C-alpha atoms as a PDB file:
ATOM      1  CA  UNK A   1     209.600 134.349  27.685  1.00  0.00           C
ATOM      2  CA  UNK A   2     211.157 131.981  25.159  1.00  0.00           C
ATOM      3  CA  UNK A   3     209.408 128.932  23.777  1.00  0.00           C
ATOM      4  CA  UNK A   4     211.814 126.594  25.617  1.00  0.00           C
ATOM      5  CA  UNK A   5     211.412 128.254  29.013  1.00  0.00           C
ATOM      6  CA  UNK A   6     207.617 128.292  28.732  1.00  0.00           C
ATOM      7  CA  UNK A   7     207.436 124.496  28.365  1.00  0.00           C
ATOM      8  CA  UNK A   8     207.736 124.032  32.139  1.00  0.00           C
ATOM      9  CA  UNK A   9     204.713 126.219  32.913  1.00  0.00           C
ATOM     10  CA  UNK A  10     201.809 124.320  34.432  1.00  0.00           C
ATOM     11  CA  UNK A  11     198.590 124.107  32.443  1.00  0.00           C
ATOM     12  CA  UNK A  12     194.964 124.166  33.492  1.00  0.00           C
ATOM     13  CA  UNK A  13     191.730 122.501  32.490  1.00  0.00           C
ATOM     14  CA  UNK A  14     191.125 125.023  29.699  1.00  0.00           C
ATOM     15  CA  UNK A  15     194.474 124.097  28.107  1.00  0.00           C
ATOM     16  CA  UNK A  16     193.657 120.391  28.301  1.00  0.00           C
ATOM     17  CA  UNK A  17     190.231 121.051  26.776  1.00  0.00           C
ATOM     18  CA  UNK A  18     191.805 123.035  23.919  1.00  0.00           C
ATOM     19  CA  UNK A  19     194.263 120.200  23.266  1.00  0.00           C
ATOM     20  CA  UNK A  20     191.413 117.691  23.067  1.00  0.00           C
ATOM     21  CA  UNK A  21     189.616 119.903  20.530  1.00  0.00           C
ATOM     22  CA  UNK A  22     192.787 120.124  18.441  1.00  0.00           C
ATOM     23  CA  UNK A  23     193.154 116.333  18.504  1.00  0.00           C
ATOM     24  CA  UNK A  24     189.579 116.166  17.193  1.00  0.00           C
ATOM     25  CA  UNK A  25     190.677 118.321  14.238  1.00  0.00           C
ATOM     26  CA  UNK A  26     193.634 116.010  13.550  1.00  0.00           C
ATOM     27  CA  UNK A  27     191.315 112.989  13.726  1.00  0.00           C
ATOM     28  CA  UNK A  28     188.900 114.587  11.243  1.00  0.00           C
ATOM     29  CA  UNK A  29     191.822 115.372   8.904  1.00  0.00           C
ATOM     30  CA  UNK A  30     192.909 111.701   9.018  1.00  0.00           C
ATOM     31  CA  UNK A  31     196.228 112.386  10.741  1.00  0.00           C
ATOM     32  CA  UNK A  32     195.285 110.241  13.736  1.00  0.00           C
ATOM     33  CA  UNK A  33     193.573 106.878  13.920  1.00  0.00           C
ATOM     34  CA  UNK A  34     190.713 106.559  16.409  1.00  0.00           C
ATOM     35  CA  UNK A  35     192.988 104.538  18.713  1.00  0.00           C
ATOM     36  CA  UNK A  36     195.780 107.154  18.553  1.00  0.00           C
ATOM     37  CA  UNK A  37     193.206 109.882  19.127  1.00  0.00           C
ATOM     38  CA  UNK A  38     191.882 108.171  22.277  1.00  0.00           C
ATOM     39  CA  UNK A  39     195.407 107.567  23.553  1.00  0.00           C
ATOM     40  CA  UNK A  40     196.432 111.203  23.076  1.00  0.00           C
ATOM     41  CA  UNK A  41     193.176 112.462  24.612  1.00  0.00           C
ATOM     42  CA  UNK A  42     193.923 110.354  27.698  1.00  0.00           C
ATOM     43  CA  UNK A  43     197.501 111.613  27.896  1.00  0.00           C
ATOM     44  CA  UNK A  44     196.339 115.224  27.440  1.00  0.00           C
ATOM     45  CA  UNK A  45     193.960 114.744  30.359  1.00  0.00           C
ATOM     46  CA  UNK A  46     196.940 113.847  32.559  1.00  0.00           C
ATOM     47  CA  UNK A  47     199.299 116.526  31.189  1.00  0.00           C
ATOM     48  CA  UNK A  48     200.726 118.872  33.827  1.00  0.00           C
ATOM     49  CA  UNK A  49     202.931 121.281  31.845  1.00  0.00           C
ATOM     50  CA  UNK A  50     202.995 122.883  28.414  1.00  0.00           C
ATOM     51  CA  UNK A  51     205.891 120.577  27.608  1.00  0.00           C
ATOM     52  CA  UNK A  52     203.723 117.520  28.299  1.00  0.00           C
ATOM     53  CA  UNK A  53     201.243 118.758  25.696  1.00  0.00           C
ATOM     54  CA  UNK A  54     203.979 119.781  23.258  1.00  0.00           C
ATOM     55  CA  UNK A  55     205.252 116.187  23.193  1.00  0.00           C
ATOM     56  CA  UNK A  56     201.792 114.989  22.141  1.00  0.00           C
ATOM     57  CA  UNK A  57     201.772 117.389  19.177  1.00  0.00           C
ATOM     58  CA  UNK A  58     205.433 116.929  18.167  1.00  0.00           C
ATOM     59  CA  UNK A  59     204.714 114.702  15.153  1.00  0.00           C
ATOM     60  CA  UNK A  60     201.612 116.616  13.995  1.00  0.00           C
ATOM     61  CA  UNK A  61     201.403 119.678  11.760  1.00  0.00           C
ATOM     62  CA  UNK A  62     199.478 122.767  12.875  1.00  0.00           C
ATOM     63  CA  UNK A  63     197.166 123.389  14.633  1.00  0.00           C
ATOM     64  CA  UNK A  64     198.995 123.155  17.945  1.00  0.00           C
ATOM     65  CA  UNK A  65     198.013 124.672  21.319  1.00  0.00           C
ATOM     66  CA  UNK A  66     198.428 128.457  21.311  1.00  0.00           C
ATOM     67  CA  UNK A  67     199.288 129.998  24.653  1.00  0.00           C
ATOM     68  CA  UNK A  68     199.826 133.532  23.352  1.00  0.00           C
ATOM     69  CA  UNK A  69     196.103 134.385  23.510  1.00  0.00           C
ATOM     70  CA  UNK A  70     195.800 133.384  27.163  1.00  0.00           C
ATOM     71  CA  UNK A  71     196.001 136.144  29.744  1.00  0.00           C
ATOM     72  CA  UNK A  72     198.680 135.604  32.391  1.00  0.00           C
ATOM     73  CA  UNK A  73     197.460 133.944  35.581  1.00  0.00           C
ATOM     74  CA  UNK A  74     196.087 136.332  38.160  1.00  0.00           C
ATOM     75  CA  UNK A  75     194.826 138.883  35.654  1.00  0.00           C
ATOM     76  CA  UNK A  76     191.242 139.848  35.136  1.00  0.00           C
ATOM     77  CA  UNK A  77     188.625 141.642  37.144  1.00  0.00           C
ATOM     78  CA  UNK A  78     188.146 141.761  40.904  1.00  0.00           C
ATOM     79  CA  UNK A  79     184.793 141.710  42.631  1.00  0.00           C
ATOM     80  CA  UNK A  80     183.894 144.857  44.535  1.00  0.00           C
ATOM     81  CA  UNK A  81     181.158 145.245  47.140  1.00  0.00           C
ATOM     82  CA  UNK A  82     179.061 147.103  44.560  1.00  0.00           C
ATOM     83  CA  UNK A  83     179.550 144.498  41.855  1.00  0.00           C
ATOM     84  CA  UNK A  84     178.557 141.728  44.263  1.00  0.00           C
ATOM     85  CA  UNK A  85     175.437 143.610  45.370  1.00  0.00           C
ATOM     86  CA  UNK A  86     174.426 144.392  41.784  1.00  0.00           C
ATOM     87  CA  UNK A  87     175.023 140.784  40.753  1.00  0.00           C
ATOM     88  CA  UNK A  88     172.814 139.603  43.612  1.00  0.00           C
ATOM     89  CA  UNK A  89     170.088 142.089  42.608  1.00  0.00           C
ATOM     90  CA  UNK A  90     170.255 140.948  38.974  1.00  0.00           C
ATOM     91  CA  UNK A  91     169.961 137.306  40.021  1.00  0.00           C
ATOM     92  CA  UNK A  92     167.059 138.042  42.370  1.00  0.00           C
ATOM     93  CA  UNK A  93     165.307 139.979  39.620  1.00  0.00           C
ATOM     94  CA  UNK A  94     165.475 137.024  37.270  1.00  0.00           C
ATOM     95  CA  UNK A  95     164.801 134.423  39.945  1.00  0.00           C
ATOM     96  CA  UNK A  96     161.781 136.094  41.539  1.00  0.00           C
ATOM     97  CA  UNK A  97     160.705 138.858  39.169  1.00  0.00           C
ATOM     98  CA  UNK A  98     160.390 136.836  35.984  1.00  0.00           C
ATOM     99  CA  UNK A  99     158.192 134.059  37.454  1.00  0.00           C
ATOM    100  CA  UNK A 100     156.037 136.704  39.131  1.00  0.00           C
ATOM    101  CA  UNK A 101     155.733 138.632  35.884  1.00  0.00           C
ATOM    102  CA  UNK A 102     154.906 135.433  34.016  1.00  0.00           C
ATOM    103  CA  UNK A 103     152.119 134.572  36.460  1.00  0.00           C
ATOM    104  CA  UNK A 104     150.711 138.107  36.329  1.00  0.00           C
ATOM    105  CA  UNK A 105     150.802 137.937  32.535  1.00  0.00           C
ATOM    106  CA  UNK A 106     148.855 134.681  32.538  1.00  0.00           C
ATOM    107  CA  UNK A 107     146.273 135.626  35.159  1.00  0.00           C
ATOM    108  CA  UNK A 108     146.001 139.422  34.870  1.00  0.00           C
ATOM    109  CA  UNK A 109     147.225 140.125  31.336  1.00  0.00           C
ATOM    110  CA  UNK A 110     150.047 142.373  32.561  1.00  0.00           C
ATOM    111  CA  UNK A 111     152.502 141.288  29.813  1.00  0.00           C
ATOM    112  CA  UNK A 112     154.495 144.503  30.093  1.00  0.00           C
ATOM    113  CA  UNK A 113     155.898 143.325  33.455  1.00  0.00           C
ATOM    114  CA  UNK A 114     157.915 140.690  31.591  1.00  0.00           C
ATOM    115  CA  UNK A 115     159.695 143.469  29.704  1.00  0.00           C
ATOM    116  CA  UNK A 116     160.246 145.516  32.861  1.00  0.00           C
ATOM    117  CA  UNK A 117     161.875 142.639  34.774  1.00  0.00           C
ATOM    118  CA  UNK A 118     163.887 141.489  31.758  1.00  0.00           C
ATOM    119  CA  UNK A 119     165.288 144.989  31.202  1.00  0.00           C
ATOM    120  CA  UNK A 120     165.899 145.525  34.933  1.00  0.00           C
ATOM    121  CA  UNK A 121     167.776 142.246  35.308  1.00  0.00           C
ATOM    122  CA  UNK A 122     169.853 142.900  32.207  1.00  0.00           C
ATOM    123  CA  UNK A 123     170.770 146.436  33.284  1.00  0.00           C
ATOM    124  CA  UNK A 124     171.685 145.263  36.787  1.00  0.00           C
ATOM    125  CA  UNK A 125     173.875 142.522  35.321  1.00  0.00           C
ATOM    126  CA  UNK A 126     175.653 144.996  33.044  1.00  0.00           C
ATOM    127  CA  UNK A 127     176.191 147.414  35.921  1.00  0.00           C
ATOM    128  CA  UNK A 128     177.616 144.563  37.994  1.00  0.00           C
ATOM    129  CA  UNK A 129     180.184 143.813  35.286  1.00  0.00           C
ATOM    130  CA  UNK A 130     181.055 147.508  34.989  1.00  0.00           C
ATOM    131  CA  UNK A 131     181.548 147.808  38.772  1.00  0.00           C
ATOM    132  CA  UNK A 132     184.365 145.242  38.816  1.00  0.00           C
ATOM    133  CA  UNK A 133     187.875 146.643  39.094  1.00  0.00           C
ATOM    134  CA  UNK A 134     190.882 145.544  37.028  1.00  0.00           C
ATOM    135  CA  UNK A 135     193.409 143.482  38.935  1.00  0.00           C
ATOM    136  CA  UNK A 136     196.692 145.232  39.661  1.00  0.00           C
ATOM    137  CA  UNK A 137     199.569 143.624  37.738  1.00  0.00           C
ATOM    138  CA  UNK A 138     202.319 142.164  39.800  1.00  0.00           C
END
């Protein structure tokens, strides 16, 4: 996709956030006054397309927004029944197991339970991430 044809692509909140961070850099470098910075931040918050953001950076040297590092929309990992179940188990382990282990450590001296629940929750969380399937391109 050429630079010109990509200017009409809609942007998301992450793109607007990145633009605001780049305007902060330009402010720190003295390229923008505080008033210009605020104005461009406001306009970036209302930007809809890459072209809208490009106009805001037209008179500034690099850094500019970089869209090459962004994965295309609709890519990533899909939840599976196993990943959802493992994620639930990991959350329940941390939500219920850790407070229980903390209380048993305080009142019974069973400090090793903290390690058991911490390791169990971490392993379940890692297994949940591994159980997700890549999204089919297209």
